[in-house]
Amino acid sequence: MKTDSFEVVGLGGERKLSGEIKVNKAKNAVLKAMASTTLFSGESVINEVPELEDVGRMAELLEGVGVKVSNDS
């Protein structure tokens, strides 16, 4: 489904989704990757995250909904 500003992808089925993706290091890509971690159970690791105010605010939002966020750099 396509909306005005983004594409929505639906996933379903009994097969487990796993793997790795490489995205550019732009802030907007990192914010989307951080938000997507709420869709999956288990641990998600995002490497090379820029230290920006928006990234810190997203971490606070995720912690507010129960996601454990750590910075191992």
C-alpha atoms as a PDB file:
ATOM      1  CA  MET A   1       0.000   0.000   0.000  1.00  0.00           C
ATOM      2  CA  LYS A   2       1.353   3.455  -0.852  1.00  0.00           C
ATOM      3  CA  THR A   3       0.419   6.588   1.104  1.00  0.00           C
ATOM      4  CA  ASP A   4       1.369  10.196   0.398  1.00  0.00           C
ATOM      5  CA  SER A   5       4.802  10.008   1.989  1.00  0.00           C
ATOM      6  CA  PHE A   6       5.786   6.379   2.605  1.00  0.00           C
ATOM      7  CA  GLU A   7       5.144   2.810   1.654  1.00  0.00           C
ATOM      8  CA  VAL A   8       3.447   0.403   4.058  1.00  0.00           C
ATOM      9  CA  VAL A   9       4.536  -3.228   3.944  1.00  0.00           C
ATOM     10  CA  GLY A  10       2.526  -5.977   5.596  1.00  0.00           C
ATOM     11  CA  LEU A  11       4.153  -9.192   6.780  1.00  0.00           C
ATOM     12  CA  GLY A  12       2.377 -12.359   7.740  1.00  0.00           C
ATOM     13  CA  GLY A  13       2.783 -16.085   7.907  1.00  0.00           C
ATOM     14  CA  GLU A  14       4.373 -18.660  10.112  1.00  0.00           C
ATOM     15  CA  ARG A  15       8.000 -18.304   8.970  1.00  0.00           C
ATOM     16  CA  LYS A  16      10.342 -16.371  11.242  1.00  0.00           C
ATOM     17  CA  LEU A  17      11.783 -13.184   9.769  1.00  0.00           C
ATOM     18  CA  SER A  18      15.501 -12.759  10.428  1.00  0.00           C
ATOM     19  CA  GLY A  19      18.613 -11.403   8.798  1.00  0.00           C
ATOM     20  CA  GLU A  20      20.674  -8.280   8.355  1.00  0.00           C
ATOM     21  CA  ILE A  21      20.238  -5.179   6.259  1.00  0.00           C
ATOM     22  CA  LYS A  22      22.684  -2.415   5.453  1.00  0.00           C
ATOM     23  CA  VAL A  23      21.301   1.111   5.159  1.00  0.00           C
ATOM     24  CA  ASN A  24      23.030   4.417   4.671  1.00  0.00           C
ATOM     25  CA  LYS A  25      24.132   6.288   7.764  1.00  0.00           C
ATOM     26  CA  ALA A  26      21.693   9.146   7.297  1.00  0.00           C
ATOM     27  CA  LYS A  27      19.740  10.209  10.367  1.00  0.00           C
ATOM     28  CA  ASN A  28      16.370   9.445   8.789  1.00  0.00           C
ATOM     29  CA  ALA A  29      17.430   5.889   7.943  1.00  0.00           C
ATOM     30  CA  VAL A  30      18.613   5.317  11.512  1.00  0.00           C
ATOM     31  CA  LEU A  31      15.372   6.673  12.986  1.00  0.00           C
ATOM     32  CA  LYS A  32      13.327   4.317  10.799  1.00  0.00           C
ATOM     33  CA  ALA A  33      15.555   1.385  11.745  1.00  0.00           C
ATOM     34  CA  MET A  34      15.159   2.231  15.432  1.00  0.00           C
ATOM     35  CA  ALA A  35      11.372   2.438  15.114  1.00  0.00           C
ATOM     36  CA  SER A  36      11.234  -0.865  13.242  1.00  0.00           C
ATOM     37  CA  THR A  37      12.767  -2.686  16.217  1.00  0.00           C
ATOM     38  CA  THR A  38       9.384  -2.489  17.944  1.00  0.00           C
ATOM     39  CA  LEU A  39       7.967  -4.870  15.317  1.00  0.00           C
ATOM     40  CA  PHE A  40      10.130  -7.806  16.364  1.00  0.00           C
ATOM     41  CA  SER A  41      10.748  -9.779  19.521  1.00  0.00           C
ATOM     42  CA  GLY A  42      14.281 -10.474  20.627  1.00  0.00           C
ATOM     43  CA  GLU A  43      17.364  -8.334  20.299  1.00  0.00           C
ATOM     44  CA  SER A  44      17.974  -5.894  17.462  1.00  0.00           C
ATOM     45  CA  VAL A  45      21.410  -4.378  16.889  1.00  0.00           C
ATOM     46  CA  ILE A  46      21.960  -1.189  14.914  1.00  0.00           C
ATOM     47  CA  ASN A  47      25.599  -0.323  14.255  1.00  0.00           C
ATOM     48  CA  GLU A  48      27.255   3.004  13.448  1.00  0.00           C
ATOM     49  CA  VAL A  49      24.415   5.160  14.795  1.00  0.00           C
ATOM     50  CA  PRO A  50      25.222   8.874  14.647  1.00  0.00           C
ATOM     51  CA  GLU A  51      25.157  10.746  17.944  1.00  0.00           C
ATOM     52  CA  LEU A  52      22.432  13.280  17.157  1.00  0.00           C
ATOM     53  CA  GLU A  53      19.700  14.886  19.231  1.00  0.00           C
ATOM     54  CA  ASP A  54      16.957  13.237  17.155  1.00  0.00           C
ATOM     55  CA  VAL A  55      18.506   9.813  17.713  1.00  0.00           C
ATOM     56  CA  GLY A  56      18.617  10.456  21.467  1.00  0.00           C
ATOM     57  CA  ARG A  57      14.970  11.517  21.460  1.00  0.00           C
ATOM     58  CA  MET A  58      13.996   8.372  19.552  1.00  0.00           C
ATOM     59  CA  ALA A  59      15.866   6.288  22.134  1.00  0.00           C
ATOM     60  CA  GLU A  60      13.882   8.032  24.888  1.00  0.00           C
ATOM     61  CA  LEU A  61      10.601   7.349  23.057  1.00  0.00           C
ATOM     62  CA  LEU A  62      11.489   3.683  22.638  1.00  0.00           C
ATOM     63  CA  GLU A  63      12.424   3.378  26.307  1.00  0.00           C
ATOM     64  CA  GLY A  64       9.063   4.964  27.137  1.00  0.00           C
ATOM     65  CA  VAL A  65       7.282   2.043  25.471  1.00  0.00           C
ATOM     66  CA  GLY A  66       9.460  -0.553  27.180  1.00  0.00           C
ATOM     67  CA  VAL A  67      12.324  -1.057  24.731  1.00  0.00           C
ATOM     68  CA  LYS A  68      15.758  -1.468  26.298  1.00  0.00           C
ATOM     69  CA  VAL A  69      18.205   0.855  24.521  1.00  0.00           C
ATOM     70  CA  SER A  70      21.960   0.829  25.061  1.00  0.00           C
ATOM     71  CA  ASN A  71      24.914   2.564  23.485  1.00  0.00           C
ATOM     72  CA  ASP A  72      27.975   0.342  23.478  1.00  0.00           C
ATOM     73  CA  SER A  73      30.304   2.799  21.731  1.00  0.00           C
END
